[in-house]
Amino acid sequence: RYEIRMGDRKMEKVLIVAVTDSTLVVVQD
């Protein structure tokens, strides 16, 4: 589980499902 921020948005809690070189597949809510 991670907290990530994209741009100026608030921190969001996510679960990492898959990782590639340029993308993350996450589950949020």
PDB file of all heavy atoms in Angstrom:
ATOM      1  N   ARG A   1       0.850  -1.199   0.000  1.00  0.00           N
ATOM      2  CA  ARG A   1       0.000   0.000   0.000  1.00  0.00           C
ATOM      3  C   ARG A   1       0.884   1.248   0.000  1.00  0.00           C
ATOM      4  O   ARG A   1       1.892   1.310   0.699  1.00  0.00           O
ATOM      5  CB  ARG A   1      -0.906   0.012   1.211  1.00  0.00           C
ATOM      6  CG  ARG A   1      -1.906  -1.110   1.176  1.00  0.00           C
ATOM      7  CD  ARG A   1      -3.018  -0.882   2.184  1.00  0.00           C
ATOM      8  NE  ARG A   1      -3.951  -1.982   2.171  1.00  0.00           N
ATOM      9  CZ  ARG A   1      -4.961  -2.092   1.325  1.00  0.00           C
ATOM     10  NH1 ARG A   1      -5.163  -1.163   0.429  1.00  0.00           N
ATOM     11  NH2 ARG A   1      -5.764  -3.136   1.368  1.00  0.00           N
ATOM     12  N   TYR A   2       0.462   2.229  -0.796  1.00  0.00           N
ATOM     13  CA  TYR A   2       1.198   3.478  -0.940  1.00  0.00           C
ATOM     14  C   TYR A   2       0.231   4.654  -0.847  1.00  0.00           C
ATOM     15  O   TYR A   2      -0.968   4.504  -1.054  1.00  0.00           O
ATOM     16  CB  TYR A   2       1.887   3.547  -2.316  1.00  0.00           C
ATOM     17  CG  TYR A   2       3.014   2.578  -2.495  1.00  0.00           C
ATOM     18  CD1 TYR A   2       2.779   1.267  -2.905  1.00  0.00           C
ATOM     19  CD2 TYR A   2       4.327   2.960  -2.271  1.00  0.00           C
ATOM     20  CE1 TYR A   2       3.817   0.367  -3.070  1.00  0.00           C
ATOM     21  CE2 TYR A   2       5.370   2.069  -2.446  1.00  0.00           C
ATOM     22  CZ  TYR A   2       5.107   0.781  -2.842  1.00  0.00           C
ATOM     23  OH  TYR A   2       6.134  -0.105  -3.007  1.00  0.00           O
ATOM     24  N   GLU A   3       0.788   5.819  -0.561  1.00  0.00           N
ATOM     25  CA  GLU A   3       0.100   7.087  -0.736  1.00  0.00           C
ATOM     26  C   GLU A   3       0.783   7.759  -1.911  1.00  0.00           C
ATOM     27  O   GLU A   3       2.018   7.876  -1.929  1.00  0.00           O
ATOM     28  CB  GLU A   3       0.247   7.988   0.499  1.00  0.00           C
ATOM     29  CG  GLU A   3      -0.755   7.766   1.565  1.00  0.00           C
ATOM     30  CD  GLU A   3      -0.684   8.823   2.654  1.00  0.00           C
ATOM     31  OE1 GLU A   3       0.384   9.448   2.847  1.00  0.00           O
ATOM     32  OE2 GLU A   3      -1.696   9.009   3.328  1.00  0.00           O
ATOM     33  N   ILE A   4       0.006   8.187  -2.895  1.00  0.00           N
ATOM     34  CA  ILE A   4       0.609   8.852  -4.052  1.00  0.00           C
ATOM     35  C   ILE A   4      -0.091  10.185  -4.284  1.00  0.00           C
ATOM     36  O   ILE A   4      -1.257  10.369  -3.954  1.00  0.00           O
ATOM     37  CB  ILE A   4       0.542   7.986  -5.327  1.00  0.00           C
ATOM     38  CG1 ILE A   4      -0.897   7.649  -5.696  1.00  0.00           C
ATOM     39  CG2 ILE A   4       1.376   6.739  -5.184  1.00  0.00           C
ATOM     40  CD1 ILE A   4      -1.035   6.992  -7.053  1.00  0.00           C
ATOM     41  N   ARG A   5       0.663  11.118  -4.878  1.00  0.00           N
ATOM     42  CA  ARG A   5       0.124  12.414  -5.259  1.00  0.00           C
ATOM     43  C   ARG A   5       0.401  12.596  -6.745  1.00  0.00           C
ATOM     44  O   ARG A   5       1.521  12.423  -7.202  1.00  0.00           O
ATOM     45  CB  ARG A   5       0.781  13.540  -4.463  1.00  0.00           C
ATOM     46  CG  ARG A   5       0.226  14.924  -4.796  1.00  0.00           C
ATOM     47  CD  ARG A   5       1.030  16.037  -4.121  1.00  0.00           C
ATOM     48  NE  ARG A   5       1.292  15.806  -2.725  1.00  0.00           N
ATOM     49  CZ  ARG A   5       0.520  16.229  -1.716  1.00  0.00           C
ATOM     50  NH1 ARG A   5      -0.584  16.879  -1.972  1.00  0.00           N
ATOM     51  NH2 ARG A   5       0.872  15.988  -0.464  1.00  0.00           N
ATOM     52  N   MET A   6      -0.637  12.947  -7.473  1.00  0.00           N
ATOM     53  CA  MET A   6      -0.492  13.232  -8.896  1.00  0.00           C
ATOM     54  C   MET A   6      -0.745  14.720  -9.104  1.00  0.00           C
ATOM     55  O   MET A   6      -1.850  15.208  -8.843  1.00  0.00           O
ATOM     56  CB  MET A   6      -1.477  12.412  -9.719  1.00  0.00           C
ATOM     57  CG  MET A   6      -1.182  10.931  -9.674  1.00  0.00           C
ATOM     58  SD  MET A   6      -2.300   9.948 -10.657  1.00  0.00           S
ATOM     59  CE  MET A   6      -3.798  10.092  -9.700  1.00  0.00           C
ATOM     60  N   GLY A   7       0.283  15.432  -9.522  1.00  0.00           N
ATOM     61  CA  GLY A   7       0.151  16.870  -9.732  1.00  0.00           C
ATOM     62  C   GLY A   7      -0.080  17.588  -8.419  1.00  0.00           C
ATOM     63  O   GLY A   7       0.624  17.376  -7.442  1.00  0.00           O
ATOM     64  N   ASP A   8      -1.108  18.442  -8.394  1.00  0.00           N
ATOM     65  CA  ASP A   8      -1.431  19.216  -7.194  1.00  0.00           C
ATOM     66  C   ASP A   8      -2.578  18.611  -6.400  1.00  0.00           C
ATOM     67  O   ASP A   8      -3.121  19.252  -5.506  1.00  0.00           O
ATOM     68  CB  ASP A   8      -1.796  20.659  -7.597  1.00  0.00           C
ATOM     69  CG  ASP A   8      -0.597  21.399  -8.151  1.00  0.00           C
ATOM     70  OD1 ASP A   8       0.538  21.029  -7.793  1.00  0.00           O
ATOM     71  OD2 ASP A   8      -0.796  22.335  -8.943  1.00  0.00           O
ATOM     72  N   ARG A   9      -2.973  17.405  -6.709  1.00  0.00           N
ATOM     73  CA  ARG A   9      -4.068  16.745  -5.990  1.00  0.00           C
ATOM     74  C   ARG A   9      -3.649  16.361  -4.585  1.00  0.00           C
ATOM     75  O   ARG A   9      -2.477  16.394  -4.243  1.00  0.00           O
ATOM     76  CB  ARG A   9      -4.499  15.470  -6.721  1.00  0.00           C
ATOM     77  CG  ARG A   9      -5.133  15.676  -8.044  1.00  0.00           C
ATOM     78  CD  ARG A   9      -5.452  14.319  -8.597  1.00  0.00           C
ATOM     79  NE  ARG A   9      -6.301  14.361  -9.746  1.00  0.00           N
ATOM     80  CZ  ARG A   9      -6.649  13.284 -10.428  1.00  0.00           C
ATOM     81  NH1 ARG A   9      -6.207  12.097 -10.062  1.00  0.00           N
ATOM     82  NH2 ARG A   9      -7.439  13.386 -11.473  1.00  0.00           N
ATOM     83  N   LYS A  10      -4.639  15.920  -3.792  1.00  0.00           N
ATOM     84  CA  LYS A  10      -4.338  15.439  -2.445  1.00  0.00           C
ATOM     85  C   LYS A  10      -3.738  14.035  -2.525  1.00  0.00           C
ATOM     86  O   LYS A  10      -3.870  13.346  -3.540  1.00  0.00           O
ATOM     87  CB  LYS A  10      -5.598  15.433  -1.580  1.00  0.00           C
ATOM     88  CG  LYS A  10      -6.667  14.472  -2.037  1.00  0.00           C
ATOM     89  CD  LYS A  10      -7.867  14.540  -1.114  1.00  0.00           C
ATOM     90  CE  LYS A  10      -8.926  13.581  -1.579  1.00  0.00           C
ATOM     91  NZ  LYS A  10      -8.999  12.368  -0.816  1.00  0.00           N
ATOM     92  N   MET A  11      -3.088  13.621  -1.437  1.00  0.00           N
ATOM     93  CA  MET A  11      -2.515  12.276  -1.363  1.00  0.00           C
ATOM     94  C   MET A  11      -3.645  11.256  -1.363  1.00  0.00           C
ATOM     95  O   MET A  11      -4.637  11.421  -0.657  1.00  0.00           O
ATOM     96  CB  MET A  11      -1.678  12.113  -0.101  1.00  0.00           C
ATOM     97  CG  MET A  11      -0.452  12.993  -0.038  1.00  0.00           C
ATOM     98  SD  MET A  11       0.791  12.573  -1.255  1.00  0.00           S
ATOM     99  CE  MET A  11       1.627  11.245  -0.447  1.00  0.00           C
ATOM    100  N   GLU A  12      -3.488  10.201  -2.163  1.00  0.00           N
ATOM    101  CA  GLU A  12      -4.489   9.152  -2.248  1.00  0.00           C
ATOM    102  C   GLU A  12      -3.864   7.816  -1.894  1.00  0.00           C
ATOM    103  O   GLU A  12      -2.758   7.507  -2.314  1.00  0.00           O
ATOM    104  CB  GLU A  12      -5.077   9.114  -3.664  1.00  0.00           C
ATOM    105  CG  GLU A  12      -5.755  10.415  -4.043  1.00  0.00           C
ATOM    106  CD  GLU A  12      -6.324  10.383  -5.440  1.00  0.00           C
ATOM    107  OE1 GLU A  12      -6.490   9.276  -5.990  1.00  0.00           O
ATOM    108  OE2 GLU A  12      -6.596  11.457  -5.970  1.00  0.00           O
ATOM    109  N   LYS A  13      -4.581   7.020  -1.095  1.00  0.00           N
ATOM    110  CA  LYS A  13      -4.091   5.709  -0.668  1.00  0.00           C
ATOM    111  C   LYS A  13      -4.480   4.679  -1.715  1.00  0.00           C
ATOM    112  O   LYS A  13      -5.652   4.562  -2.085  1.00  0.00           O
ATOM    113  CB  LYS A  13      -4.670   5.352   0.693  1.00  0.00           C
ATOM    114  CG  LYS A  13      -4.201   6.293   1.774  1.00  0.00           C
ATOM    115  CD  LYS A  13      -4.777   5.962   3.109  1.00  0.00           C
ATOM    116  CE  LYS A  13      -4.274   6.981   4.127  1.00  0.00           C
ATOM    117  NZ  LYS A  13      -4.812   6.762   5.440  1.00  0.00           N
ATOM    118  N   VAL A  14      -3.477   3.922  -2.190  1.00  0.00           N
ATOM    119  CA  VAL A  14      -3.699   2.934  -3.240  1.00  0.00           C
ATOM    120  C   VAL A  14      -2.976   1.633  -2.909  1.00  0.00           C
ATOM    121  O   VAL A  14      -2.048   1.611  -2.112  1.00  0.00           O
ATOM    122  CB  VAL A  14      -3.223   3.452  -4.623  1.00  0.00           C
ATOM    123  CG1 VAL A  14      -3.998   4.679  -5.053  1.00  0.00           C
ATOM    124  CG2 VAL A  14      -1.738   3.743  -4.613  1.00  0.00           C
ATOM    125  N   LEU A  15      -3.410   0.562  -3.555  1.00  0.00           N
ATOM    126  CA  LEU A  15      -2.764  -0.747  -3.475  1.00  0.00           C
ATOM    127  C   LEU A  15      -2.194  -1.052  -4.848  1.00  0.00           C
ATOM    128  O   LEU A  15      -2.923  -1.004  -5.848  1.00  0.00           O
ATOM    129  CB  LEU A  15      -3.779  -1.814  -3.068  1.00  0.00           C
ATOM    130  CG  LEU A  15      -3.298  -3.260  -3.105  1.00  0.00           C
ATOM    131  CD1 LEU A  15      -2.247  -3.496  -2.021  1.00  0.00           C
ATOM    132  CD2 LEU A  15      -4.459  -4.212  -2.926  1.00  0.00           C
ATOM    133  N   ILE A  16      -0.910  -1.368  -4.925  1.00  0.00           N
ATOM    134  CA  ILE A  16      -0.266  -1.655  -6.209  1.00  0.00           C
ATOM    135  C   ILE A  16      -0.620  -3.075  -6.642  1.00  0.00           C
ATOM    136  O   ILE A  16      -0.429  -4.024  -5.894  1.00  0.00           O
ATOM    137  CB  ILE A  16       1.270  -1.519  -6.107  1.00  0.00           C
ATOM    138  CG1 ILE A  16       1.670  -0.136  -5.610  1.00  0.00           C
ATOM    139  CG2 ILE A  16       1.945  -1.850  -7.428  1.00  0.00           C
ATOM    140  CD1 ILE A  16       1.435   0.980  -6.571  1.00  0.00           C
ATOM    141  N   VAL A  17      -1.149  -3.198  -7.875  1.00  0.00           N
ATOM    142  CA  VAL A  17      -1.534  -4.498  -8.427  1.00  0.00           C
ATOM    143  C   VAL A  17      -0.509  -4.985  -9.450  1.00  0.00           C
ATOM    144  O   VAL A  17      -0.169  -6.164  -9.493  1.00  0.00           O
ATOM    145  CB  VAL A  17      -2.938  -4.426  -9.062  1.00  0.00           C
ATOM    146  CG1 VAL A  17      -3.332  -5.742  -9.686  1.00  0.00           C
ATOM    147  CG2 VAL A  17      -3.964  -4.001  -8.027  1.00  0.00           C
ATOM    148  N   ALA A  18      -0.013  -4.059 -10.281  1.00  0.00           N
ATOM    149  CA  ALA A  18       0.971  -4.417 -11.306  1.00  0.00           C
ATOM    150  C   ALA A  18       1.871  -3.216 -11.575  1.00  0.00           C
ATOM    151  O   ALA A  18       1.441  -2.068 -11.454  1.00  0.00           O
ATOM    152  CB  ALA A  18       0.285  -4.855 -12.588  1.00  0.00           C
ATOM    153  N   VAL A  19       3.125  -3.517 -11.953  1.00  0.00           N
ATOM    154  CA  VAL A  19       4.102  -2.467 -12.232  1.00  0.00           C
ATOM    155  C   VAL A  19       4.752  -2.762 -13.580  1.00  0.00           C
ATOM    156  O   VAL A  19       5.170  -3.885 -13.848  1.00  0.00           O
ATOM    157  CB  VAL A  19       5.199  -2.420 -11.143  1.00  0.00           C
ATOM    158  CG1 VAL A  19       6.229  -1.355 -11.458  1.00  0.00           C
ATOM    159  CG2 VAL A  19       4.584  -2.204  -9.779  1.00  0.00           C
ATOM    160  N   THR A  20       4.806  -1.744 -14.449  1.00  0.00           N
ATOM    161  CA  THR A  20       5.566  -1.841 -15.697  1.00  0.00           C
ATOM    162  C   THR A  20       6.621  -0.737 -15.680  1.00  0.00           C
ATOM    163  O   THR A  20       6.770  -0.027 -14.688  1.00  0.00           O
ATOM    164  CB  THR A  20       4.645  -1.688 -16.929  1.00  0.00           C
ATOM    165  OG1 THR A  20       4.103  -0.365 -16.931  1.00  0.00           O
ATOM    166  CG2 THR A  20       3.520  -2.717 -16.921  1.00  0.00           C
ATOM    167  N   ASP A  21       7.346  -0.577 -16.810  1.00  0.00           N
ATOM    168  CA  ASP A  21       8.382   0.450 -16.865  1.00  0.00           C
ATOM    169  C   ASP A  21       7.815   1.861 -16.733  1.00  0.00           C
ATOM    170  O   ASP A  21       8.438   2.731 -16.136  1.00  0.00           O
ATOM    171  CB  ASP A  21       9.161   0.351 -18.186  1.00  0.00           C
ATOM    172  CG  ASP A  21      10.017  -0.899 -18.229  1.00  0.00           C
ATOM    173  OD1 ASP A  21      10.322  -1.433 -17.145  1.00  0.00           O
ATOM    174  OD2 ASP A  21      10.364  -1.334 -19.340  1.00  0.00           O
ATOM    175  N   SER A  22       6.621   2.090 -17.301  1.00  0.00           N
ATOM    176  CA  SER A  22       6.092   3.455 -17.318  1.00  0.00           C
ATOM    177  C   SER A  22       4.752   3.621 -16.600  1.00  0.00           C
ATOM    178  O   SER A  22       4.292   4.739 -16.443  1.00  0.00           O
ATOM    179  CB  SER A  22       5.931   3.919 -18.764  1.00  0.00           C
ATOM    180  OG  SER A  22       5.024   3.064 -19.438  1.00  0.00           O
ATOM    181  N   THR A  23       4.117   2.530 -16.172  1.00  0.00           N
ATOM    182  CA  THR A  23       2.797   2.641 -15.557  1.00  0.00           C
ATOM    183  C   THR A  23       2.685   1.817 -14.278  1.00  0.00           C
ATOM    184  O   THR A  23       3.477   0.909 -14.040  1.00  0.00           O
ATOM    185  CB  THR A  23       1.681   2.173 -16.519  1.00  0.00           C
ATOM    186  OG1 THR A  23       1.884   0.792 -16.818  1.00  0.00           O
ATOM    187  CG2 THR A  23       1.647   2.989 -17.785  1.00  0.00           C
ATOM    188  N   LEU A  24       1.674   2.167 -13.488  1.00  0.00           N
ATOM    189  CA  LEU A  24       1.286   1.405 -12.305  1.00  0.00           C
ATOM    190  C   LEU A  24      -0.189   1.067 -12.443  1.00  0.00           C
ATOM    191  O   LEU A  24      -0.978   1.913 -12.840  1.00  0.00           O
ATOM    192  CB  LEU A  24       1.451   2.225 -11.027  1.00  0.00           C
ATOM    193  CG  LEU A  24       2.829   2.692 -10.620  1.00  0.00           C
ATOM    194  CD1 LEU A  24       2.720   3.608  -9.413  1.00  0.00           C
ATOM    195  CD2 LEU A  24       3.696   1.512 -10.280  1.00  0.00           C
ATOM    196  N   VAL A  25      -0.545  -0.170 -12.126  1.00  0.00           N
ATOM    197  CA  VAL A  25      -1.951  -0.539 -12.032  1.00  0.00           C
ATOM    198  C   VAL A  25      -2.254  -0.598 -10.545  1.00  0.00           C
ATOM    199  O   VAL A  25      -1.617  -1.355  -9.800  1.00  0.00           O
ATOM    200  CB  VAL A  25      -2.246  -1.883 -12.715  1.00  0.00           C
ATOM    201  CG1 VAL A  25      -3.716  -2.239 -12.570  1.00  0.00           C
ATOM    202  CG2 VAL A  25      -1.844  -1.836 -14.178  1.00  0.00           C
ATOM    203  N   VAL A  26      -3.213   0.240 -10.100  1.00  0.00           N
ATOM    204  CA  VAL A  26      -3.508   0.369  -8.676  1.00  0.00           C
ATOM    205  C   VAL A  26      -5.001   0.158  -8.435  1.00  0.00           C
ATOM    206  O   VAL A  26      -5.812   0.279  -9.355  1.00  0.00           O
ATOM    207  CB  VAL A  26      -3.100   1.757  -8.135  1.00  0.00           C
ATOM    208  CG1 VAL A  26      -1.618   1.988  -8.312  1.00  0.00           C
ATOM    209  CG2 VAL A  26      -3.897   2.861  -8.782  1.00  0.00           C
ATOM    210  N   VAL A  27      -5.330  -0.167  -7.199  1.00  0.00           N
ATOM    211  CA  VAL A  27      -6.720  -0.258  -6.763  1.00  0.00           C
ATOM    212  C   VAL A  27      -6.928   0.828  -5.722  1.00  0.00           C
ATOM    213  O   VAL A  27      -6.196   0.906  -4.740  1.00  0.00           O
ATOM    214  CB  VAL A  27      -7.041  -1.642  -6.169  1.00  0.00           C
ATOM    215  CG1 VAL A  27      -8.444  -1.665  -5.600  1.00  0.00           C
ATOM    216  CG2 VAL A  27      -6.861  -2.720  -7.211  1.00  0.00           C
ATOM    217  N   GLN A  28      -7.934   1.667  -5.983  1.00  0.00           N
ATOM    218  CA  GLN A  28      -8.302   2.723  -5.044  1.00  0.00           C
ATOM    219  C   GLN A  28      -9.813   2.716  -4.910  1.00  0.00           C
ATOM    220  O   GLN A  28     -10.540   2.841  -5.901  1.00  0.00           O
ATOM    221  CB  GLN A  28      -7.838   4.085  -5.540  1.00  0.00           C
ATOM    222  CG  GLN A  28      -8.245   5.201  -4.615  1.00  0.00           C
ATOM    223  CD  GLN A  28      -8.006   6.548  -5.226  1.00  0.00           C
ATOM    224  OE1 GLN A  28      -7.799   6.681  -6.415  1.00  0.00           O
ATOM    225  NE2 GLN A  28      -8.050   7.566  -4.396  1.00  0.00           N
ATOM    226  N   ASP A  29     -10.302   2.537  -3.685  1.00  0.00           N
ATOM    227  CA  ASP A  29     -11.747   2.483  -3.412  1.00  0.00           C
ATOM    228  C   ASP A  29     -12.441   1.433  -4.285  1.00  0.00           C
ATOM    229  O   ASP A  29     -13.466   1.698  -4.909  1.00  0.00           O
ATOM    230  CB  ASP A  29     -12.392   3.852  -3.634  1.00  0.00           C
ATOM    231  CG  ASP A  29     -11.837   4.911  -2.709  1.00  0.00           C
ATOM    232  OD1 ASP A  29     -11.452   4.538  -1.577  1.00  0.00           O
ATOM    233  OD2 ASP A  29     -11.781   6.084  -3.103  1.00  0.00           O
TER     234      ASP A  29
END
